[in-house]
Amino acid sequence: MTTDVIVLNGGSSAGTSTLARALQETLPRPWLTFGVDAFIAALPPALMASPDGLVLAPDGTVTVGPTFRALQTGWLHGIAAMARAGTGIILDEVFLDGGAGQDRWHRALDGLTVLWVGVHCDPATATARERARGDRVVGMAAAQAALVHRGVRYDLEVDTTSVTPAACARRVASHVAG
């Protein structure tokens, strides 16, 4: 059975975006990659730092409001429509509410073949990456390292702490059928 969607779930600076790009280089057919960062970039500026939208606290915690969730529902179903049209999709995700985030994607991706991949990274390593990036609230990596995996069921898990993106991509690619 052909895999339609690969979902990479990991905390901030765990390496999901880098793994998604490595998968695009490794997989035999073209795949599009979409992630929560692209969704956030598409939000109206008024929803940034708004209780209805997205709030990034100084300690790195993230809260989302009802307007964010409503727009996210459209995003999820739009991504699923592309997969249903035959486009391979790699999702770069951060399930802030663990299993509930996976459940939202389960509903949107109903009927598609999905490979669920947990992307782990030692919190100290993720925090060092976060500081080096300079585009994240320091503390997000540590706050999300375990949180995003609570209640999530995976087909495969990788750890990017000391394994290269290419090696992780080869491991994921070996589980992609078709």
C-alpha atoms as a PDB file:
ATOM      1  CA  MET A   1       0.000   0.000   0.000  1.00  0.00           C
ATOM      2  CA  THR A   2       1.340   3.423  -0.950  1.00  0.00           C
ATOM      3  CA  THR A   3       1.952   5.959   1.788  1.00  0.00           C
ATOM      4  CA  ASP A   4       0.071   9.194   1.114  1.00  0.00           C
ATOM      5  CA  VAL A   5       1.219  11.315   4.054  1.00  0.00           C
ATOM      6  CA  ILE A   6       4.213  11.266   6.396  1.00  0.00           C
ATOM      7  CA  VAL A   7       3.575  13.114   9.653  1.00  0.00           C
ATOM      8  CA  LEU A   8       6.704  14.190  11.544  1.00  0.00           C
ATOM      9  CA  ASN A   9       5.847  15.303  15.076  1.00  0.00           C
ATOM     10  CA  GLY A  10       8.470  16.842  17.317  1.00  0.00           C
ATOM     11  CA  GLY A  11       9.061  19.790  19.588  1.00  0.00           C
ATOM     12  CA  SER A  12      10.646  23.053  18.573  1.00  0.00           C
ATOM     13  CA  SER A  13      14.222  22.595  17.306  1.00  0.00           C
ATOM     14  CA  ALA A  14      13.938  18.799  17.364  1.00  0.00           C
ATOM     15  CA  GLY A  15      14.847  18.646  13.673  1.00  0.00           C
ATOM     16  CA  THR A  16      11.484  17.997  12.007  1.00  0.00           C
ATOM     17  CA  SER A  17      11.968  20.640   9.288  1.00  0.00           C
ATOM     18  CA  THR A  18      15.475  19.413   8.487  1.00  0.00           C
ATOM     19  CA  LEU A  19      14.222  15.817   8.406  1.00  0.00           C
ATOM     20  CA  ALA A  20      11.371  16.818   6.081  1.00  0.00           C
ATOM     21  CA  ARG A  21      13.882  18.326   3.628  1.00  0.00           C
ATOM     22  CA  ALA A  22      16.130  15.263   3.900  1.00  0.00           C
ATOM     23  CA  LEU A  23      13.124  13.057   3.119  1.00  0.00           C
ATOM     24  CA  GLN A  24      12.418  15.094  -0.008  1.00  0.00           C
ATOM     25  CA  GLU A  25      15.966  14.307  -1.146  1.00  0.00           C
ATOM     26  CA  THR A  26      15.724  10.629  -0.176  1.00  0.00           C
ATOM     27  CA  LEU A  27      12.285   9.510  -1.351  1.00  0.00           C
ATOM     28  CA  PRO A  28      12.051   8.270  -4.940  1.00  0.00           C
ATOM     29  CA  ARG A  29       9.132  10.489  -6.019  1.00  0.00           C
ATOM     30  CA  PRO A  30       8.519  14.191  -5.364  1.00  0.00           C
ATOM     31  CA  TRP A  31       6.825  15.057  -2.070  1.00  0.00           C
ATOM     32  CA  LEU A  32       5.618  18.440  -0.842  1.00  0.00           C
ATOM     33  CA  THR A  33       6.377  19.497   2.702  1.00  0.00           C
ATOM     34  CA  PHE A  34       4.095  21.652   4.832  1.00  0.00           C
ATOM     35  CA  GLY A  35       4.467  22.555   8.436  1.00  0.00           C
ATOM     36  CA  VAL A  36       2.993  24.356  11.343  1.00  0.00           C
ATOM     37  CA  ASP A  37       5.478  27.207  10.767  1.00  0.00           C
ATOM     38  CA  ALA A  38       3.987  27.809   7.290  1.00  0.00           C
ATOM     39  CA  PHE A  39       0.486  27.820   8.779  1.00  0.00           C
ATOM     40  CA  ILE A  40       1.548  30.304  11.466  1.00  0.00           C
ATOM     41  CA  ALA A  41       3.200  32.527   8.834  1.00  0.00           C
ATOM     42  CA  ALA A  42      -0.093  32.543   6.910  1.00  0.00           C
ATOM     43  CA  LEU A  43      -2.127  33.759   9.905  1.00  0.00           C
ATOM     44  CA  PRO A  44      -3.363  37.337   9.934  1.00  0.00           C
ATOM     45  CA  PRO A  45      -0.933  39.486  11.956  1.00  0.00           C
ATOM     46  CA  ALA A  46      -3.770  40.477  14.306  1.00  0.00           C
ATOM     47  CA  LEU A  47      -3.930  36.880  15.561  1.00  0.00           C
ATOM     48  CA  MET A  48      -0.313  36.896  16.673  1.00  0.00           C
ATOM     49  CA  ALA A  49      -0.137  37.529  20.437  1.00  0.00           C
ATOM     50  CA  SER A  50      -3.936  37.389  20.633  1.00  0.00           C
ATOM     51  CA  PRO A  51      -5.892  35.065  22.950  1.00  0.00           C
ATOM     52  CA  ASP A  52      -8.074  34.225  19.918  1.00  0.00           C
ATOM     53  CA  GLY A  53      -4.997  33.276  17.904  1.00  0.00           C
ATOM     54  CA  LEU A  54      -1.523  32.406  19.071  1.00  0.00           C
ATOM     55  CA  VAL A  55       0.340  33.482  22.191  1.00  0.00           C
ATOM     56  CA  LEU A  56       4.043  32.749  22.682  1.00  0.00           C
ATOM     57  CA  ALA A  57       4.810  33.308  26.357  1.00  0.00           C
ATOM     58  CA  PRO A  58       8.244  34.526  27.504  1.00  0.00           C
ATOM     59  CA  ASP A  59       8.915  31.104  29.067  1.00  0.00           C
ATOM     60  CA  GLY A  60       8.381  29.331  25.736  1.00  0.00           C
ATOM     61  CA  THR A  61       4.884  27.997  26.340  1.00  0.00           C
ATOM     62  CA  VAL A  62       2.453  28.348  23.461  1.00  0.00           C
ATOM     63  CA  THR A  63      -1.314  28.737  23.708  1.00  0.00           C
ATOM     64  CA  VAL A  64      -3.794  28.777  20.862  1.00  0.00           C
ATOM     65  CA  GLY A  65      -7.260  30.267  20.758  1.00  0.00           C
ATOM     66  CA  PRO A  66     -10.554  29.469  19.031  1.00  0.00           C
ATOM     67  CA  THR A  67      -9.875  31.457  15.856  1.00  0.00           C
ATOM     68  CA  PHE A  68      -6.525  29.683  15.464  1.00  0.00           C
ATOM     69  CA  ARG A  69      -8.294  26.310  15.785  1.00  0.00           C
ATOM     70  CA  ALA A  70     -10.989  27.275  13.268  1.00  0.00           C
ATOM     71  CA  LEU A  71      -8.396  28.345  10.691  1.00  0.00           C
ATOM     72  CA  GLN A  72      -6.314  25.266  11.474  1.00  0.00           C
ATOM     73  CA  THR A  73      -9.266  23.033  10.587  1.00  0.00           C
ATOM     74  CA  GLY A  74      -9.334  24.545   7.099  1.00  0.00           C
ATOM     75  CA  TRP A  75      -5.550  24.099   6.828  1.00  0.00           C
ATOM     76  CA  LEU A  76      -5.745  20.422   7.795  1.00  0.00           C
ATOM     77  CA  HIS A  77      -8.503  19.665   5.300  1.00  0.00           C
ATOM     78  CA  GLY A  78      -6.703  21.586   2.531  1.00  0.00           C
ATOM     79  CA  ILE A  79      -3.520  19.570   3.081  1.00  0.00           C
ATOM     80  CA  ALA A  80      -5.582  16.361   3.098  1.00  0.00           C
ATOM     81  CA  ALA A  81      -7.211  17.357  -0.209  1.00  0.00           C
ATOM     82  CA  MET A  82      -3.787  17.626  -1.846  1.00  0.00           C
ATOM     83  CA  ALA A  83      -2.896  14.148  -0.578  1.00  0.00           C
ATOM     84  CA  ARG A  84      -6.216  12.797  -1.870  1.00  0.00           C
ATOM     85  CA  ALA A  85      -5.326  14.272  -5.281  1.00  0.00           C
ATOM     86  CA  GLY A  86      -2.230  12.039  -5.338  1.00  0.00           C
ATOM     87  CA  THR A  87       0.417  14.418  -4.038  1.00  0.00           C
ATOM     88  CA  GLY A  88       2.801  12.954  -1.476  1.00  0.00           C
ATOM     89  CA  ILE A  89       2.741  15.148   1.620  1.00  0.00           C
ATOM     90  CA  ILE A  90       5.301  15.428   4.422  1.00  0.00           C
ATOM     91  CA  LEU A  91       3.919  17.235   7.460  1.00  0.00           C
ATOM     92  CA  ASP A  92       6.274  18.994   9.846  1.00  0.00           C
ATOM     93  CA  GLU A  93       4.160  19.232  12.984  1.00  0.00           C
ATOM     94  CA  VAL A  94       4.247  20.171  16.659  1.00  0.00           C
ATOM     95  CA  PHE A  95       1.331  18.569  18.527  1.00  0.00           C
ATOM     96  CA  LEU A  96       1.153  21.099  21.362  1.00  0.00           C
ATOM     97  CA  ASP A  97      -1.651  19.093  22.915  1.00  0.00           C
ATOM     98  CA  GLY A  98      -0.183  15.668  22.158  1.00  0.00           C
ATOM     99  CA  GLY A  99      -2.730  13.035  21.225  1.00  0.00           C
ATOM    100  CA  ALA A 100      -5.493  15.609  20.660  1.00  0.00           C
ATOM    101  CA  GLY A 101      -3.369  17.150  17.892  1.00  0.00           C
ATOM    102  CA  GLN A 102      -2.908  13.749  16.324  1.00  0.00           C
ATOM    103  CA  ASP A 103      -6.651  13.138  16.557  1.00  0.00           C
ATOM    104  CA  ARG A 104      -7.348  16.330  14.569  1.00  0.00           C
ATOM    105  CA  TRP A 105      -5.029  15.106  11.817  1.00  0.00           C
ATOM    106  CA  HIS A 106      -6.546  11.581  11.985  1.00  0.00           C
ATOM    107  CA  ARG A 107      -9.963  13.048  11.224  1.00  0.00           C
ATOM    108  CA  ALA A 108      -8.680  15.220   8.367  1.00  0.00           C
ATOM    109  CA  LEU A 109      -6.602  12.396   6.838  1.00  0.00           C
ATOM    110  CA  ASP A 110      -9.339   9.752   7.115  1.00  0.00           C
ATOM    111  CA  GLY A 111      -9.053   7.258   4.260  1.00  0.00           C
ATOM    112  CA  LEU A 112      -5.416   8.086   3.493  1.00  0.00           C
ATOM    113  CA  THR A 113      -2.406   5.936   4.321  1.00  0.00           C
ATOM    114  CA  VAL A 114      -0.354   7.817   6.912  1.00  0.00           C
ATOM    115  CA  LEU A 115       3.056   7.077   8.405  1.00  0.00           C
ATOM    116  CA  TRP A 116       3.227   8.631  11.895  1.00  0.00           C
ATOM    117  CA  VAL A 117       6.806   9.486  12.917  1.00  0.00           C
ATOM    118  CA  GLY A 118       7.875  10.730  16.335  1.00  0.00           C
ATOM    119  CA  VAL A 119      10.921  13.010  16.115  1.00  0.00           C
ATOM    120  CA  HIS A 120      12.764  13.156  19.425  1.00  0.00           C
ATOM    121  CA  CYS A 121      15.772  15.189  20.514  1.00  0.00           C
ATOM    122  CA  ASP A 122      17.476  15.529  23.866  1.00  0.00           C
ATOM    123  CA  PRO A 123      16.087  18.749  25.426  1.00  0.00           C
ATOM    124  CA  ALA A 124      19.579  20.156  26.054  1.00  0.00           C
ATOM    125  CA  THR A 125      20.529  19.625  22.405  1.00  0.00           C
ATOM    126  CA  ALA A 126      17.240  21.118  21.196  1.00  0.00           C
ATOM    127  CA  THR A 127      17.767  24.114  23.492  1.00  0.00           C
ATOM    128  CA  ALA A 128      21.271  24.645  22.065  1.00  0.00           C
ATOM    129  CA  ARG A 129      19.821  24.509  18.537  1.00  0.00           C
ATOM    130  CA  GLU A 130      17.090  26.937  19.592  1.00  0.00           C
ATOM    131  CA  ARG A 131      19.640  29.450  20.911  1.00  0.00           C
ATOM    132  CA  ALA A 132      21.771  29.112  17.749  1.00  0.00           C
ATOM    133  CA  ARG A 133      18.743  29.709  15.500  1.00  0.00           C
ATOM    134  CA  GLY A 134      17.792  32.957  17.157  1.00  0.00           C
ATOM    135  CA  ASP A 135      14.258  32.870  15.717  1.00  0.00           C
ATOM    136  CA  ARG A 136      12.507  31.091  18.595  1.00  0.00           C
ATOM    137  CA  VAL A 137      11.489  32.064  22.090  1.00  0.00           C
ATOM    138  CA  VAL A 138      14.150  30.450  24.264  1.00  0.00           C
ATOM    139  CA  GLY A 139      12.407  27.810  26.335  1.00  0.00           C
ATOM    140  CA  MET A 140      10.116  26.444  23.622  1.00  0.00           C
ATOM    141  CA  ALA A 141      12.383  23.467  22.922  1.00  0.00           C
ATOM    142  CA  ALA A 142      12.535  22.403  26.558  1.00  0.00           C
ATOM    143  CA  ALA A 143       8.810  23.042  27.118  1.00  0.00           C
ATOM    144  CA  GLN A 144       7.801  20.984  24.085  1.00  0.00           C
ATOM    145  CA  ALA A 145      10.325  18.125  24.168  1.00  0.00           C
ATOM    146  CA  ALA A 146       8.050  15.660  25.997  1.00  0.00           C
ATOM    147  CA  LEU A 147       4.718  17.504  25.782  1.00  0.00           C
ATOM    148  CA  VAL A 148       4.224  16.995  22.043  1.00  0.00           C
ATOM    149  CA  HIS A 149       4.552  13.196  22.333  1.00  0.00           C
ATOM    150  CA  ARG A 150       2.031  12.617  25.173  1.00  0.00           C
ATOM    151  CA  GLY A 151      -0.741  10.326  24.021  1.00  0.00           C
ATOM    152  CA  VAL A 152       0.568  10.117  20.444  1.00  0.00           C
ATOM    153  CA  ARG A 153       0.781   6.752  18.681  1.00  0.00           C
ATOM    154  CA  TYR A 154       3.634   6.316  16.209  1.00  0.00           C
ATOM    155  CA  ASP A 155       4.558   3.838  13.517  1.00  0.00           C
ATOM    156  CA  LEU A 156       8.208   4.835  13.865  1.00  0.00           C
ATOM    157  CA  GLU A 157      10.336   7.019  16.129  1.00  0.00           C
ATOM    158  CA  VAL A 158      13.691   8.663  15.402  1.00  0.00           C
ATOM    159  CA  ASP A 159      16.073  10.619  17.611  1.00  0.00           C
ATOM    160  CA  THR A 160      17.944  13.493  15.992  1.00  0.00           C
ATOM    161  CA  THR A 161      20.186  14.177  18.984  1.00  0.00           C
ATOM    162  CA  SER A 162      23.195  12.499  17.416  1.00  0.00           C
ATOM    163  CA  VAL A 163      21.862  10.857  14.233  1.00  0.00           C
ATOM    164  CA  THR A 164      22.192  12.817  10.979  1.00  0.00           C
ATOM    165  CA  PRO A 165      19.129  14.023   9.111  1.00  0.00           C
ATOM    166  CA  ALA A 166      20.128  11.837   6.153  1.00  0.00           C
ATOM    167  CA  ALA A 167      20.297   8.715   8.336  1.00  0.00           C
ATOM    168  CA  CYS A 168      16.928   9.520   9.926  1.00  0.00           C
ATOM    169  CA  ALA A 169      15.472  10.120   6.452  1.00  0.00           C
ATOM    170  CA  ARG A 170      16.752   6.746   5.213  1.00  0.00           C
ATOM    171  CA  ARG A 171      15.124   5.068   8.215  1.00  0.00           C
ATOM    172  CA  VAL A 172      11.779   6.779   7.577  1.00  0.00           C
ATOM    173  CA  ALA A 173      12.012   6.136   3.829  1.00  0.00           C
ATOM    174  CA  SER A 174      12.462   2.419   4.486  1.00  0.00           C
ATOM    175  CA  HIS A 175       8.965   2.434   6.022  1.00  0.00           C
ATOM    176  CA  VAL A 176       7.322   4.236   3.116  1.00  0.00           C
ATOM    177  CA  ALA A 177       5.635   1.752   0.789  1.00  0.00           C
ATOM    178  CA  GLY A 178       5.036   2.328  -2.889  1.00  0.00           C
END
